[in-house]
PDB file of N, CA and C in Angstrom:
ATOM      1  N   MET A   1    -118.571   8.286 -60.573  1.00  0.00           N
ATOM      2  CA  MET A   1    -117.225   8.586 -60.974  1.00  0.00           C
ATOM      3  C   MET A   1    -116.591   7.388 -61.686  1.00  0.00           C
ATOM      4  N   VAL A   2    -116.809   6.206 -61.149  1.00  0.00           N
ATOM      5  CA  VAL A   2    -116.258   4.993 -61.756  1.00  0.00           C
ATOM      6  C   VAL A   2    -116.881   4.759 -63.124  1.00  0.00           C
ATOM      7  N   ARG A   3    -118.192   4.942 -63.237  1.00  0.00           N
ATOM      8  CA  ARG A   3    -118.866   4.769 -64.528  1.00  0.00           C
ATOM      9  C   ARG A   3    -118.335   5.748 -65.562  1.00  0.00           C
ATOM     10  N   GLY A   4    -118.061   6.963 -65.142  1.00  0.00           N
ATOM     11  CA  GLY A   4    -117.497   7.952 -66.047  1.00  0.00           C
ATOM     12  C   GLY A   4    -116.132   7.540 -66.559  1.00  0.00           C
ATOM     13  N   HIS A   5    -115.317   6.975 -65.675  1.00  0.00           N
ATOM     14  CA  HIS A   5    -113.993   6.497 -66.076  1.00  0.00           C
ATOM     15  C   HIS A   5    -114.117   5.371 -67.096  1.00  0.00           C
ATOM     16  N   TRP A   6    -114.984   4.398 -66.831  1.00  0.00           N
ATOM     17  CA  TRP A   6    -115.115   3.266 -67.739  1.00  0.00           C
ATOM     18  C   TRP A   6    -115.753   3.683 -69.051  1.00  0.00           C
ATOM     19  N   SER A   7    -116.584   4.695 -69.030  1.00  0.00           N
ATOM     20  CA  SER A   7    -117.159   5.210 -70.273  1.00  0.00           C
ATOM     21  C   SER A   7    -116.067   5.736 -71.188  1.00  0.00           C
ATOM     22  N   ILE A   8    -115.142   6.504 -70.628  1.00  0.00           N
ATOM     23  CA  ILE A   8    -114.017   7.023 -71.410  1.00  0.00           C
ATOM     24  C   ILE A   8    -113.136   5.866 -71.867  1.00  0.00           C
ATOM     25  N   GLU A   9    -112.872   4.933 -70.993  1.00  0.00           N
ATOM     26  CA  GLU A   9    -112.026   3.793 -71.324  1.00  0.00           C
ATOM     27  C   GLU A   9    -112.618   2.988 -72.476  1.00  0.00           C
ATOM     28  N   ASN A  10    -113.909   2.720 -72.409  1.00  0.00           N
ATOM     29  CA  ASN A  10    -114.545   1.882 -73.421  1.00  0.00           C
ATOM     30  C   ASN A  10    -114.780   2.612 -74.737  1.00  0.00           C
ATOM     31  N   GLN A  11    -114.990   3.914 -74.712  1.00  0.00           N
ATOM     32  CA  GLN A  11    -115.315   4.649 -75.929  1.00  0.00           C
ATOM     33  C   GLN A  11    -114.102   5.219 -76.637  1.00  0.00           C
ATOM     34  N   LEU A  12    -112.983   5.392 -75.953  1.00  0.00           N
ATOM     35  CA  LEU A  12    -111.835   6.013 -76.596  1.00  0.00           C
ATOM     36  C   LEU A  12    -110.565   5.182 -76.455  1.00  0.00           C
ATOM     37  N   HIS A  13    -110.158   4.881 -75.243  1.00  0.00           N
ATOM     38  CA  HIS A  13    -108.872   4.208 -75.050  1.00  0.00           C
ATOM     39  C   HIS A  13    -108.860   2.788 -75.597  1.00  0.00           C
ATOM     40  N   TRP A  14    -109.911   2.043 -75.348  1.00  0.00           N
ATOM     41  CA  TRP A  14    -109.952   0.662 -75.816  1.00  0.00           C
ATOM     42  C   TRP A  14    -109.928   0.590 -77.340  1.00  0.00           C
ATOM     43  N   PRO A  15    -110.765   1.354 -78.068  1.00  0.00           N
ATOM     44  CA  PRO A  15    -110.690   1.298 -79.537  1.00  0.00           C
ATOM     45  C   PRO A  15    -109.343   1.745 -80.088  1.00  0.00           C
ATOM     46  N   LYS A  16    -108.750   2.780 -79.478  1.00  0.00           N
ATOM     47  CA  LYS A  16    -107.444   3.229 -79.953  1.00  0.00           C
ATOM     48  C   LYS A  16    -106.403   2.140 -79.775  1.00  0.00           C
ATOM     49  N   ASP A  17    -106.520   1.371 -78.723  1.00  0.00           N
ATOM     50  CA  ASP A  17    -105.539   0.331 -78.453  1.00  0.00           C
ATOM     51  C   ASP A  17    -105.793  -0.916 -79.286  1.00  0.00           C
ATOM     52  N   THR A  18    -107.014  -1.415 -79.296  1.00  0.00           N
ATOM     53  CA  THR A  18    -107.274  -2.698 -79.933  1.00  0.00           C
ATOM     54  C   THR A  18    -107.504  -2.586 -81.439  1.00  0.00           C
ATOM     55  N   ILE A  19    -108.185  -1.561 -81.896  1.00  0.00           N
ATOM     56  CA  ILE A  19    -108.514  -1.444 -83.319  1.00  0.00           C
ATOM     57  C   ILE A  19    -107.414  -0.710 -84.081  1.00  0.00           C
ATOM     58  N   LEU A  20    -106.900   0.357 -83.500  1.00  0.00           N
ATOM     59  CA  LEU A  20    -105.891   1.165 -84.186  1.00  0.00           C
ATOM     60  C   LEU A  20    -104.471   0.883 -83.692  1.00  0.00           C
ATOM     61  N   HIS A  21    -104.313  -0.076 -82.796  1.00  0.00           N
ATOM     62  CA  HIS A  21    -103.013  -0.583 -82.327  1.00  0.00           C
ATOM     63  C   HIS A  21    -102.093   0.514 -81.784  1.00  0.00           C
ATOM     64  N   GLU A  22    -102.640   1.368 -80.947  1.00  0.00           N
ATOM     65  CA  GLU A  22    -101.851   2.469 -80.410  1.00  0.00           C
ATOM     66  C   GLU A  22    -100.705   1.995 -79.514  1.00  0.00           C
ATOM     67  N   ASP A  23    -100.910   0.946 -78.739  1.00  0.00           N
ATOM     68  CA  ASP A  23     -99.861   0.486 -77.832  1.00  0.00           C
ATOM     69  C   ASP A  23     -98.689  -0.155 -78.566  1.00  0.00           C
ATOM     70  N   LYS A  24     -98.880  -0.552 -79.817  1.00  0.00           N
ATOM     71  CA  LYS A  24     -97.793  -1.144 -80.599  1.00  0.00           C
ATOM     72  C   LYS A  24     -96.953  -0.080 -81.295  1.00  0.00           C
ATOM     73  N   THR A  25     -97.372   1.171 -81.201  1.00  0.00           N
ATOM     74  CA  THR A  25     -96.640   2.263 -81.824  1.00  0.00           C
ATOM     75  C   THR A  25     -95.461   2.638 -80.942  1.00  0.00           C
ATOM     76  N   TYR A  26     -94.326   2.814 -81.555  1.00  0.00           N
ATOM     77  CA  TYR A  26     -93.151   3.222 -80.801  1.00  0.00           C
ATOM     78  C   TYR A  26     -92.387   4.262 -81.610  1.00  0.00           C
ATOM     79  N   GLY A  27     -91.613   5.022 -80.925  1.00  0.00           N
ATOM     80  CA  GLY A  27     -90.804   6.036 -81.576  1.00  0.00           C
ATOM     81  C   GLY A  27     -89.996   6.791 -80.550  1.00  0.00           C
ATOM     82  N   ARG A  28     -89.117   7.613 -81.057  1.00  0.00           N
ATOM     83  CA  ARG A  28     -88.259   8.385 -80.166  1.00  0.00           C
ATOM     84  C   ARG A  28     -88.772   9.796 -79.957  1.00  0.00           C
ATOM     85  N   ASP A  29     -89.507  10.303 -80.922  1.00  0.00           N
ATOM     86  CA  ASP A  29     -89.973  11.684 -80.865  1.00  0.00           C
ATOM     87  C   ASP A  29     -91.338  11.739 -80.180  1.00  0.00           C
ATOM     88  N   SER A  30     -91.398  12.326 -79.004  1.00  0.00           N
ATOM     89  CA  SER A  30     -92.658  12.374 -78.259  1.00  0.00           C
ATOM     90  C   SER A  30     -93.708  13.214 -78.985  1.00  0.00           C
ATOM     91  N   ASN A  31     -93.292  14.238 -79.716  1.00  0.00           N
ATOM     92  CA  ASN A  31     -94.263  15.033 -80.470  1.00  0.00           C
ATOM     93  C   ASN A  31     -94.894  14.221 -81.594  1.00  0.00           C
ATOM     94  N   GLY A  32     -94.106  13.390 -82.239  1.00  0.00           N
ATOM     95  CA  GLY A  32     -94.641  12.530 -83.293  1.00  0.00           C
ATOM     96  C   GLY A  32     -95.648  11.537 -82.748  1.00  0.00           C
ATOM     97  N   LEU A  33     -95.349  10.954 -81.596  1.00  0.00           N
ATOM     98  CA  LEU A  33     -96.276  10.011 -80.968  1.00  0.00           C
ATOM     99  C   LEU A  33     -97.559  10.706 -80.530  1.00  0.00           C
ATOM    100  N   LEU A  34     -97.427  11.920 -80.022  1.00  0.00           N
ATOM    101  CA  LEU A  34     -98.598  12.686 -79.619  1.00  0.00           C
ATOM    102  C   LEU A  34     -99.466  13.032 -80.825  1.00  0.00           C
ATOM    103  N   ASN A  35     -98.839  13.421 -81.933  1.00  0.00           N
ATOM    104  CA  ASN A  35     -99.584  13.735 -83.146  1.00  0.00           C
ATOM    105  C   ASN A  35    -100.300  12.504 -83.694  1.00  0.00           C
ATOM    106  N   ALA A  36     -99.641  11.343 -83.664  1.00  0.00           N
ATOM    107  CA  ALA A  36    -100.268  10.102 -84.123  1.00  0.00           C
ATOM    108  C   ALA A  36    -101.478   9.763 -83.258  1.00  0.00           C
ATOM    109  N   SER A  37    -101.366   9.960 -81.954  1.00  0.00           N
ATOM    110  CA  SER A  37    -102.485   9.717 -81.055  1.00  0.00           C
ATOM    111  C   SER A  37    -103.646  10.667 -81.346  1.00  0.00           C
ATOM    112  N   LEU A  38    -103.317  11.905 -81.637  1.00  0.00           N
ATOM    113  CA  LEU A  38    -104.353  12.888 -81.976  1.00  0.00           C
ATOM    114  C   LEU A  38    -105.077  12.491 -83.256  1.00  0.00           C
ATOM    115  N   PHE A  39    -104.352  12.035 -84.261  1.00  0.00           N
ATOM    116  CA  PHE A  39    -104.981  11.600 -85.513  1.00  0.00           C
ATOM    117  C   PHE A  39    -105.853  10.373 -85.301  1.00  0.00           C
ATOM    118  N   ARG A  40    -105.462   9.490 -84.405  1.00  0.00           N
ATOM    119  CA  ARG A  40    -106.308   8.337 -84.095  1.00  0.00           C
ATOM    120  C   ARG A  40    -107.621   8.792 -83.455  1.00  0.00           C
ATOM    121  N   SER A  41    -107.550   9.750 -82.550  1.00  0.00           N
ATOM    122  CA  SER A  41    -108.764  10.267 -81.912  1.00  0.00           C
ATOM    123  C   SER A  41    -109.669  10.944 -82.939  1.00  0.00           C
ATOM    124  N   ILE A  42    -109.082  11.719 -83.837  1.00  0.00           N
ATOM    125  CA  ILE A  42    -109.858  12.377 -84.891  1.00  0.00           C
ATOM    126  C   ILE A  42    -110.522  11.332 -85.783  1.00  0.00           C
ATOM    127  N   THR A  43    -109.786  10.275 -86.115  1.00  0.00           N
ATOM    128  CA  THR A  43    -110.333   9.209 -86.952  1.00  0.00           C
ATOM    129  C   THR A  43    -111.543   8.569 -86.297  1.00  0.00           C
ATOM    130  N   ILE A  44    -111.449   8.251 -85.028  1.00  0.00           N
ATOM    131  CA  ILE A  44    -112.573   7.646 -84.309  1.00  0.00           C
ATOM    132  C   ILE A  44    -113.769   8.589 -84.319  1.00  0.00           C
ATOM    133  N   ASN A  45    -113.548   9.868 -84.056  1.00  0.00           N
ATOM    134  CA  ASN A  45    -114.648  10.824 -84.030  1.00  0.00           C
ATOM    135  C   ASN A  45    -115.287  11.013 -85.394  1.00  0.00           C
ATOM    136  N   VAL A  46    -114.497  11.085 -86.453  1.00  0.00           N
ATOM    137  CA  VAL A  46    -115.048  11.247 -87.806  1.00  0.00           C
ATOM    138  C   VAL A  46    -115.889  10.029 -88.183  1.00  0.00           C
ATOM    139  N   LEU A  47    -115.399   8.838 -87.885  1.00  0.00           N
ATOM    140  CA  LEU A  47    -116.164   7.634 -88.204  1.00  0.00           C
ATOM    141  C   LEU A  47    -117.479   7.586 -87.431  1.00  0.00           C
ATOM    142  N   ARG A  48    -117.443   7.924 -86.171  1.00  0.00           N
ATOM    143  CA  ARG A  48    -118.680   7.913 -85.367  1.00  0.00           C
ATOM    144  C   ARG A  48    -119.664   8.982 -85.828  1.00  0.00           C
ATOM    145  N   LEU A  49    -119.163  10.161 -86.185  1.00  0.00           N
ATOM    146  CA  LEU A  49    -120.049  11.227 -86.657  1.00  0.00           C
ATOM    147  C   LEU A  49    -120.692  10.897 -87.999  1.00  0.00           C
ATOM    148  N   ASN A  50    -120.082  10.003 -88.749  1.00  0.00           N
ATOM    149  CA  ASN A  50    -120.626   9.594 -90.041  1.00  0.00           C
ATOM    150  C   ASN A  50    -121.438   8.308 -89.955  1.00  0.00           C
ATOM    151  N   GLY A  51    -121.840   7.941 -88.759  1.00  0.00           N
ATOM    152  CA  GLY A  51    -122.798   6.862 -88.578  1.00  0.00           C
ATOM    153  C   GLY A  51    -122.241   5.459 -88.438  1.00  0.00           C
ATOM    154  N   PHE A  52    -120.950   5.314 -88.313  1.00  0.00           N
ATOM    155  CA  PHE A  52    -120.376   3.982 -88.123  1.00  0.00           C
ATOM    156  C   PHE A  52    -120.472   3.614 -86.651  1.00  0.00           C
ATOM    157  N   ASN A  53    -121.220   2.566 -86.355  1.00  0.00           N
ATOM    158  CA  ASN A  53    -121.332   2.094 -84.975  1.00  0.00           C
ATOM    159  C   ASN A  53    -120.161   1.194 -84.604  1.00  0.00           C
ATOM    160  N   SER A  54    -119.666   0.446 -85.572  1.00  0.00           N
ATOM    161  CA  SER A  54    -118.553  -0.462 -85.349  1.00  0.00           C
ATOM    162  C   SER A  54    -117.312   0.107 -86.024  1.00  0.00           C
ATOM    163  N   LEU A  55    -116.306   0.420 -85.229  1.00  0.00           N
ATOM    164  CA  LEU A  55    -115.070   0.945 -85.795  1.00  0.00           C
ATOM    165  C   LEU A  55    -114.322  -0.128 -86.570  1.00  0.00           C
ATOM    166  N   THR A  56    -114.421  -1.364 -86.148  1.00  0.00           N
ATOM    167  CA  THR A  56    -113.779  -2.457 -86.866  1.00  0.00           C
ATOM    168  C   THR A  56    -114.373  -2.596 -88.258  1.00  0.00           C
ATOM    169  N   ALA A  57    -115.696  -2.578 -88.340  1.00  0.00           N
ATOM    170  CA  ALA A  57    -116.358  -2.672 -89.642  1.00  0.00           C
ATOM    171  C   ALA A  57    -116.022  -1.464 -90.510  1.00  0.00           C
ATOM    172  N   ALA A  58    -115.915  -0.298 -89.907  1.00  0.00           N
ATOM    173  CA  ALA A  58    -115.573   0.908 -90.660  1.00  0.00           C
ATOM    174  C   ALA A  58    -114.168   0.816 -91.232  1.00  0.00           C
ATOM    175  N   VAL A  59    -113.223   0.377 -90.425  1.00  0.00           N
ATOM    176  CA  VAL A  59    -111.842   0.263 -90.894  1.00  0.00           C
ATOM    177  C   VAL A  59    -111.747  -0.769 -92.012  1.00  0.00           C
ATOM    178  N   ARG A  60    -112.422  -1.888 -91.854  1.00  0.00           N
ATOM    179  CA  ARG A  60    -112.410  -2.919 -92.907  1.00  0.00           C
ATOM    180  C   ARG A  60    -113.131  -2.446 -94.164  1.00  0.00           C
ATOM    181  N   GLY A  61    -114.249  -1.781 -93.991  1.00  0.00           N
ATOM    182  CA  GLY A  61    -115.031  -1.334 -95.136  1.00  0.00           C
ATOM    183  C   GLY A  61    -114.389  -0.201 -95.910  1.00  0.00           C
ATOM    184  N   LEU A  62    -113.599   0.616 -95.238  1.00  0.00           N
ATOM    185  CA  LEU A  62    -112.979   1.766 -95.888  1.00  0.00           C
ATOM    186  C   LEU A  62    -111.560   1.484 -96.386  1.00  0.00           C
ATOM    187  N   ALA A  63    -111.059   0.283 -96.145  1.00  0.00           N
ATOM    188  CA  ALA A  63    -109.708  -0.049 -96.605  1.00  0.00           C
ATOM    189  C   ALA A  63    -109.650   0.078 -98.124  1.00  0.00           C
ATOM    190  N   ASN A  64    -108.687   0.836 -98.614  1.00  0.00           N
ATOM    191  CA  ASN A  64    -108.468   1.068-100.042  1.00  0.00           C
ATOM    192  C   ASN A  64    -109.612   1.819-100.723  1.00  0.00           C
ATOM    193  N   GLN A  65    -110.446   2.513 -99.981  1.00  0.00           N
ATOM    194  CA  GLN A  65    -111.549   3.304-100.533  1.00  0.00           C
ATOM    195  C   GLN A  65    -111.232   4.788-100.361  1.00  0.00           C
ATOM    196  N   VAL A  66    -110.243   5.266-101.086  1.00  0.00           N
ATOM    197  CA  VAL A  66    -109.720   6.620-100.881  1.00  0.00           C
ATOM    198  C   VAL A  66    -110.789   7.684-101.125  1.00  0.00           C
ATOM    199  N   GLU A  67    -111.565   7.554-102.204  1.00  0.00           N
ATOM    200  CA  GLU A  67    -112.599   8.559-102.489  1.00  0.00           C
ATOM    201  C   GLU A  67    -113.638   8.628-101.385  1.00  0.00           C
ATOM    202  N   GLN A  68    -114.034   7.476-100.869  1.00  0.00           N
ATOM    203  CA  GLN A  68    -115.033   7.443 -99.800  1.00  0.00           C
ATOM    204  C   GLN A  68    -114.465   8.048 -98.509  1.00  0.00           C
ATOM    205  N   ILE A  69    -113.204   7.829 -98.234  1.00  0.00           N
ATOM    206  CA  ILE A  69    -112.580   8.426 -97.046  1.00  0.00           C
ATOM    207  C   ILE A  69    -112.576   9.933 -97.159  1.00  0.00           C
ATOM    208  N   PHE A  70    -112.233  10.460 -98.339  1.00  0.00           N
ATOM    209  CA  PHE A  70    -112.238  11.905 -98.527  1.00  0.00           C
ATOM    210  C   PHE A  70    -113.649  12.485 -98.421  1.00  0.00           C
ATOM    211  N   ARG A  71    -114.670  11.734 -98.861  1.00  0.00           N
ATOM    212  CA  ARG A  71    -116.053  12.201 -98.704  1.00  0.00           C
ATOM    213  C   ARG A  71    -116.438  12.304 -97.233  1.00  0.00           C
ATOM    214  N   LEU A  72    -115.914  11.423 -96.398  1.00  0.00           N
ATOM    215  CA  LEU A  72    -116.203  11.486 -94.968  1.00  0.00           C
ATOM    216  C   LEU A  72    -115.638  12.759 -94.328  1.00  0.00           C
ATOM    217  N   LEU A  73    -114.552  13.271 -94.883  1.00  0.00           N
ATOM    218  CA  LEU A  73    -113.881  14.430 -94.311  1.00  0.00           C
ATOM    219  C   LEU A  73    -114.469  15.753 -94.766  1.00  0.00           C
ATOM    220  N   GLN A  74    -115.384  15.714 -95.712  1.00  0.00           N
ATOM    221  CA  GLN A  74    -115.973  16.964 -96.225  1.00  0.00           C
ATOM    222  C   GLN A  74    -117.073  17.465 -95.330  1.00  0.00           C
TER     223      GLN A  74
END
């Protein structure tokens, strides 16, 4: 049970917090914050499904690469 918890923590919560800065996000509208969190989760899943092992390297490598980002979503 503990291993399962840490697996989720290390694979989803930690990257959302440290790489995508989820804890620094603030706002008044709870629906907006929930939607932003959902988009962060989708981003992590799309990057992993497209073979990126390092989310940090993916974010750095895809910065300002709009065409390549759209190719990932197809």
